[in-house]
Amino acid sequence: MEIAYANSRVEKICTDAKRAKKKLGQVGAHILSLRFDQIIAAGNLEELRFLPGNYHELTADRKGELAVSLHGLTRLIFEPNHKPRPEKFDGGLNWSQVTAITILEITDYHK
């Protein structure tokens, strides 16, 4: 899977273990590393769908984005990096055609 980043701040947290640990704590940084191993190894988003972490599509004001659990309520938020967005006939996201993503943020969107 190809990975891009929305900004340099997010990229630094995702690619620098020391920054990840400072932002997420030891457990959160470890889980972030595991999620990245999963994402990098996947050929497409469908391969991630049923792995630990609960990869899922978001709704409402976050429609078009996806999330995976890190630690507690913290989520890694990303979106397909395809133009146009790969869709099924019913308009839903075609997970098997998503081979590139953009990491948007790491947050607790439940607040």
C-alpha atoms as a PDB file:
ATOM      1  CA  MET A   1       0.000   0.000   0.000  1.00  0.00           C
ATOM      2  CA  GLU A   2       1.238   3.478  -0.825  1.00  0.00           C
ATOM      3  CA  ILE A   3       1.123   5.963   2.045  1.00  0.00           C
ATOM      4  CA  ALA A   4       1.082   9.760   1.823  1.00  0.00           C
ATOM      5  CA  TYR A   5       0.617  12.256   4.635  1.00  0.00           C
ATOM      6  CA  ALA A   6      -1.655  15.287   4.933  1.00  0.00           C
ATOM      7  CA  ASN A   7       1.147  17.323   6.507  1.00  0.00           C
ATOM      8  CA  SER A   8       4.659  17.046   7.916  1.00  0.00           C
ATOM      9  CA  ARG A   9       3.458  16.989  11.543  1.00  0.00           C
ATOM     10  CA  VAL A  10       1.449  13.810  10.968  1.00  0.00           C
ATOM     11  CA  GLU A  11       4.271  12.284   8.932  1.00  0.00           C
ATOM     12  CA  LYS A  12       6.791  12.893  11.723  1.00  0.00           C
ATOM     13  CA  ILE A  13       4.569  11.224  14.334  1.00  0.00           C
ATOM     14  CA  CYS A  14       3.973   8.250  12.045  1.00  0.00           C
ATOM     15  CA  THR A  15       7.599   7.776  10.987  1.00  0.00           C
ATOM     16  CA  ASP A  16       9.574   8.774  14.087  1.00  0.00           C
ATOM     17  CA  ALA A  17       9.190   6.359  17.013  1.00  0.00           C
ATOM     18  CA  LYS A  18      10.400   8.969  19.510  1.00  0.00           C
ATOM     19  CA  ARG A  19       7.779  11.519  18.404  1.00  0.00           C
ATOM     20  CA  ALA A  20       5.088   8.846  18.345  1.00  0.00           C
ATOM     21  CA  LYS A  21       5.930   7.839  21.902  1.00  0.00           C
ATOM     22  CA  LYS A  22       5.812  11.483  23.039  1.00  0.00           C
ATOM     23  CA  LYS A  23       2.400  12.043  21.388  1.00  0.00           C
ATOM     24  CA  LEU A  24       0.776   8.635  22.059  1.00  0.00           C
ATOM     25  CA  GLY A  25       2.658   7.114  24.962  1.00  0.00           C
ATOM     26  CA  GLN A  26       4.580   3.859  24.828  1.00  0.00           C
ATOM     27  CA  VAL A  27       1.555   1.619  24.225  1.00  0.00           C
ATOM     28  CA  GLY A  28      -0.010   3.918  21.618  1.00  0.00           C
ATOM     29  CA  ALA A  29       3.284   4.267  19.744  1.00  0.00           C
ATOM     30  CA  HIS A  30       3.741   0.491  19.725  1.00  0.00           C
ATOM     31  CA  ILE A  31       0.233  -0.041  18.344  1.00  0.00           C
ATOM     32  CA  LEU A  32       0.788   2.688  15.720  1.00  0.00           C
ATOM     33  CA  SER A  33       3.883   0.788  14.589  1.00  0.00           C
ATOM     34  CA  LEU A  34       1.876  -2.454  14.357  1.00  0.00           C
ATOM     35  CA  ARG A  35      -0.852  -0.732  12.302  1.00  0.00           C
ATOM     36  CA  PHE A  36       1.748   0.673   9.915  1.00  0.00           C
ATOM     37  CA  ASP A  37       3.234  -2.800   9.486  1.00  0.00           C
ATOM     38  CA  GLN A  38      -0.264  -4.027   8.562  1.00  0.00           C
ATOM     39  CA  ILE A  39      -0.879  -1.167   6.126  1.00  0.00           C
ATOM     40  CA  ILE A  40       2.504  -1.440   4.416  1.00  0.00           C
ATOM     41  CA  ALA A  41       2.149  -5.215   3.979  1.00  0.00           C
ATOM     42  CA  ALA A  42      -1.354  -4.951   2.482  1.00  0.00           C
ATOM     43  CA  GLY A  43      -1.822  -4.886  -1.262  1.00  0.00           C
ATOM     44  CA  ASN A  44      -5.166  -3.115  -0.852  1.00  0.00           C
ATOM     45  CA  LEU A  45      -7.544  -1.902   1.815  1.00  0.00           C
ATOM     46  CA  GLU A  46      -9.694  -5.042   1.659  1.00  0.00           C
ATOM     47  CA  GLU A  47      -6.777  -7.045   3.110  1.00  0.00           C
ATOM     48  CA  LEU A  48      -6.977  -4.869   6.250  1.00  0.00           C
ATOM     49  CA  ARG A  49     -10.721  -4.979   6.744  1.00  0.00           C
ATOM     50  CA  PHE A  50     -10.851  -7.824   9.278  1.00  0.00           C
ATOM     51  CA  LEU A  51      -7.439  -7.446  10.921  1.00  0.00           C
ATOM     52  CA  PRO A  52      -7.088  -6.263  14.524  1.00  0.00           C
ATOM     53  CA  GLY A  53      -7.745  -2.554  14.867  1.00  0.00           C
ATOM     54  CA  ASN A  54     -11.275  -2.377  13.470  1.00  0.00           C
ATOM     55  CA  TYR A  55     -10.613  -0.675  10.135  1.00  0.00           C
ATOM     56  CA  HIS A  56     -13.846   1.109   9.308  1.00  0.00           C
ATOM     57  CA  GLU A  57     -15.457   3.861   7.265  1.00  0.00           C
ATOM     58  CA  LEU A  58     -16.595   7.001   9.041  1.00  0.00           C
ATOM     59  CA  THR A  59     -19.906   8.793   8.564  1.00  0.00           C
ATOM     60  CA  ALA A  60     -21.538  12.203   8.967  1.00  0.00           C
ATOM     61  CA  ASP A  61     -19.011  15.062   8.765  1.00  0.00           C
ATOM     62  CA  ARG A  62     -16.190  12.544   8.298  1.00  0.00           C
ATOM     63  CA  LYS A  63     -17.798  10.727   5.351  1.00  0.00           C
ATOM     64  CA  GLY A  64     -15.116   9.571   2.922  1.00  0.00           C
ATOM     65  CA  GLU A  65     -12.585   9.019   5.704  1.00  0.00           C
ATOM     66  CA  LEU A  66     -11.621   5.773   7.398  1.00  0.00           C
ATOM     67  CA  ALA A  67     -10.209   4.995  10.816  1.00  0.00           C
ATOM     68  CA  VAL A  68      -8.332   2.306  12.675  1.00  0.00           C
ATOM     69  CA  SER A  69      -8.057   2.048  16.452  1.00  0.00           C
ATOM     70  CA  LEU A  70      -4.761   2.750  18.145  1.00  0.00           C
ATOM     71  CA  HIS A  71      -5.089   2.953  21.928  1.00  0.00           C
ATOM     72  CA  GLY A  72      -8.194   3.799  23.925  1.00  0.00           C
ATOM     73  CA  LEU A  73     -10.308   6.108  21.791  1.00  0.00           C
ATOM     74  CA  THR A  74      -7.373   7.343  19.697  1.00  0.00           C
ATOM     75  CA  ARG A  75      -7.724   6.635  15.994  1.00  0.00           C
ATOM     76  CA  LEU A  76      -5.510   6.869  12.926  1.00  0.00           C
ATOM     77  CA  ILE A  77      -7.638   8.700  10.330  1.00  0.00           C
ATOM     78  CA  PHE A  78      -6.976   8.248   6.613  1.00  0.00           C
ATOM     79  CA  GLU A  79      -8.627   8.484   3.208  1.00  0.00           C
ATOM     80  CA  PRO A  80      -8.160   6.785  -0.138  1.00  0.00           C
ATOM     81  CA  ASN A  81      -5.572   8.583  -2.263  1.00  0.00           C
ATOM     82  CA  HIS A  82      -7.280   7.956  -5.599  1.00  0.00           C
ATOM     83  CA  LYS A  83      -8.959  10.335  -8.027  1.00  0.00           C
ATOM     84  CA  PRO A  84     -11.681   9.382  -8.607  1.00  0.00           C
ATOM     85  CA  ARG A  85     -12.447   7.487  -5.421  1.00  0.00           C
ATOM     86  CA  PRO A  86     -12.945   3.745  -6.170  1.00  0.00           C
ATOM     87  CA  GLU A  87     -16.625   2.992  -5.676  1.00  0.00           C
ATOM     88  CA  LYS A  88     -18.879  -0.037  -5.992  1.00  0.00           C
ATOM     89  CA  PHE A  89     -22.059   0.075  -8.048  1.00  0.00           C
ATOM     90  CA  ASP A  90     -24.071   1.012  -4.943  1.00  0.00           C
ATOM     91  CA  GLY A  91     -21.826   4.039  -4.310  1.00  0.00           C
ATOM     92  CA  GLY A  92     -19.931   2.524  -1.370  1.00  0.00           C
ATOM     93  CA  LEU A  93     -16.148   2.456  -1.217  1.00  0.00           C
ATOM     94  CA  ASN A  94     -14.576  -0.412  -3.145  1.00  0.00           C
ATOM     95  CA  TRP A  95     -12.002  -1.482  -0.553  1.00  0.00           C
ATOM     96  CA  SER A  96     -10.312  -3.932  -2.917  1.00  0.00           C
ATOM     97  CA  GLN A  97      -9.358  -1.127  -5.326  1.00  0.00           C
ATOM     98  CA  VAL A  98      -7.807   1.165  -2.706  1.00  0.00           C
ATOM     99  CA  THR A  99      -4.026   0.734  -3.008  1.00  0.00           C
ATOM    100  CA  ALA A 100      -2.969   4.194  -1.814  1.00  0.00           C
ATOM    101  CA  ILE A 101      -4.005   6.224   1.234  1.00  0.00           C
ATOM    102  CA  THR A 102      -3.329   9.607   2.784  1.00  0.00           C
ATOM    103  CA  ILE A 103      -2.925   9.713   6.564  1.00  0.00           C
ATOM    104  CA  LEU A 104      -4.922  12.728   7.756  1.00  0.00           C
ATOM    105  CA  GLU A 105      -4.509  12.789  11.524  1.00  0.00           C
ATOM    106  CA  ILE A 106      -4.256  10.910  14.785  1.00  0.00           C
ATOM    107  CA  THR A 107      -7.070  11.943  17.091  1.00  0.00           C
ATOM    108  CA  ASP A 108      -9.928  11.027  19.386  1.00  0.00           C
ATOM    109  CA  TYR A 109     -12.890  12.126  17.294  1.00  0.00           C
ATOM    110  CA  HIS A 110     -15.341  10.961  19.973  1.00  0.00           C
ATOM    111  CA  LYS A 111     -14.907  14.141  22.041  1.00  0.00           C
END
